[in-house]
Amino acid sequence: LRRASADEKQAQIDSVRAFQETHAEQTEAALHTLQQVALNGGNIFAELMNTVRVASLGQISNALYSVGGEYRRNL
């Protein structure tokens, strides 16, 4: 198991922030479309393929959580 150094962690954070800034104008619309597909019972996977081009995993997770809540597996 290899752990990331502080520099590697910071580089990843900077990369995500730059990605979000680059796609800021498109993100809101893409996330809204993804939420509508989820609410209407559509094919979320297909829409995710479009959304990941302009939104980070955190943004996508938050958008889906806001319309669907948290998944809890029954044990």
Protein backbone atom coordinates (compact mmCIF):
# COMPACT_ATOMS: atom_id res chain seq x y z
CA LEU A 1 0.00 0.00 0.00
CA ARG A 2 1.45 3.32 -1.05
CA ARG A 3 0.37 6.54 0.61
CA ALA A 4 0.31 9.84 -1.21
CA SER A 5 2.70 12.54 -0.10
CA ALA A 6 1.45 15.96 0.96
CA ASP A 7 2.59 17.35 -2.41
CA GLU A 8 0.69 14.65 -4.31
CA LYS A 9 -2.47 15.32 -2.28
CA GLN A 10 -2.20 19.06 -2.92
CA ALA A 11 -1.63 18.47 -6.63
CA GLN A 12 -4.81 16.40 -6.81
CA ILE A 13 -6.81 19.06 -4.96
CA ASP A 14 -5.45 21.73 -7.31
CA SER A 15 -6.31 19.56 -10.31
CA VAL A 16 -9.92 19.09 -9.18
CA ARG A 17 -10.33 22.80 -8.49
CA ALA A 18 -8.94 23.69 -11.93
CA PHE A 19 -11.31 21.16 -13.53
CA GLN A 20 -14.26 22.68 -11.68
CA GLU A 21 -13.27 26.22 -12.70
CA THR A 22 -12.83 25.20 -16.33
CA HIS A 23 -16.31 23.67 -16.51
CA ALA A 24 -18.14 25.97 -14.09
CA GLU A 25 -20.55 27.27 -16.74
CA GLN A 26 -21.71 23.79 -17.76
CA THR A 27 -21.79 22.07 -14.39
CA GLU A 28 -25.09 23.33 -13.01
CA ALA A 29 -27.06 22.33 -16.12
CA ALA A 30 -25.42 18.90 -16.27
CA LEU A 31 -26.11 18.21 -12.60
CA HIS A 32 -29.70 19.36 -12.96
CA THR A 33 -30.21 17.02 -15.92
CA LEU A 34 -28.71 14.15 -13.93
CA GLN A 35 -31.05 14.89 -11.03
CA GLN A 36 -34.08 14.92 -13.35
CA VAL A 37 -33.08 11.59 -14.87
CA ALA A 38 -32.74 10.12 -11.36
CA LEU A 39 -36.09 11.50 -10.23
CA ASN A 40 -37.84 10.21 -13.34
CA GLY A 41 -36.37 6.71 -13.03
CA GLY A 42 -34.27 7.05 -16.15
CA ASN A 43 -30.92 5.53 -17.04
CA ILE A 44 -28.59 7.26 -14.59
CA PHE A 45 -25.50 5.48 -15.94
CA ALA A 46 -25.99 6.89 -19.42
CA GLU A 47 -26.43 10.40 -18.02
CA LEU A 48 -23.39 9.97 -15.77
CA MET A 49 -21.28 9.46 -18.90
CA ASN A 50 -22.22 13.01 -19.92
CA THR A 51 -22.02 14.54 -16.45
CA VAL A 52 -18.49 13.32 -15.61
CA ARG A 53 -17.18 15.46 -18.45
CA VAL A 54 -18.01 18.64 -16.54
CA ALA A 55 -18.52 17.71 -12.87
CA SER A 56 -16.35 16.15 -10.18
CA LEU A 57 -17.27 13.04 -8.21
CA GLY A 58 -18.07 15.18 -5.17
CA GLN A 59 -20.40 17.43 -7.15
CA ILE A 60 -22.16 14.43 -8.68
CA SER A 61 -22.49 12.68 -5.32
CA ASN A 62 -23.97 15.79 -3.70
CA ALA A 63 -26.44 16.27 -6.56
CA LEU A 64 -27.65 12.68 -6.40
CA TYR A 65 -27.79 12.72 -2.60
CA SER A 66 -30.01 15.81 -2.68
CA VAL A 67 -32.65 14.01 -4.75
CA GLY A 68 -32.30 10.45 -3.54
CA GLY A 69 -30.88 10.44 -0.06
CA GLU A 70 -28.30 8.04 1.26
CA TYR A 71 -28.21 4.37 0.35
CA ARG A 72 -28.20 2.10 3.39
CA ARG A 73 -27.92 -1.59 2.81
CA ASN A 74 -30.02 -3.77 5.10
CA LEU A 75 -27.94 -6.38 6.83
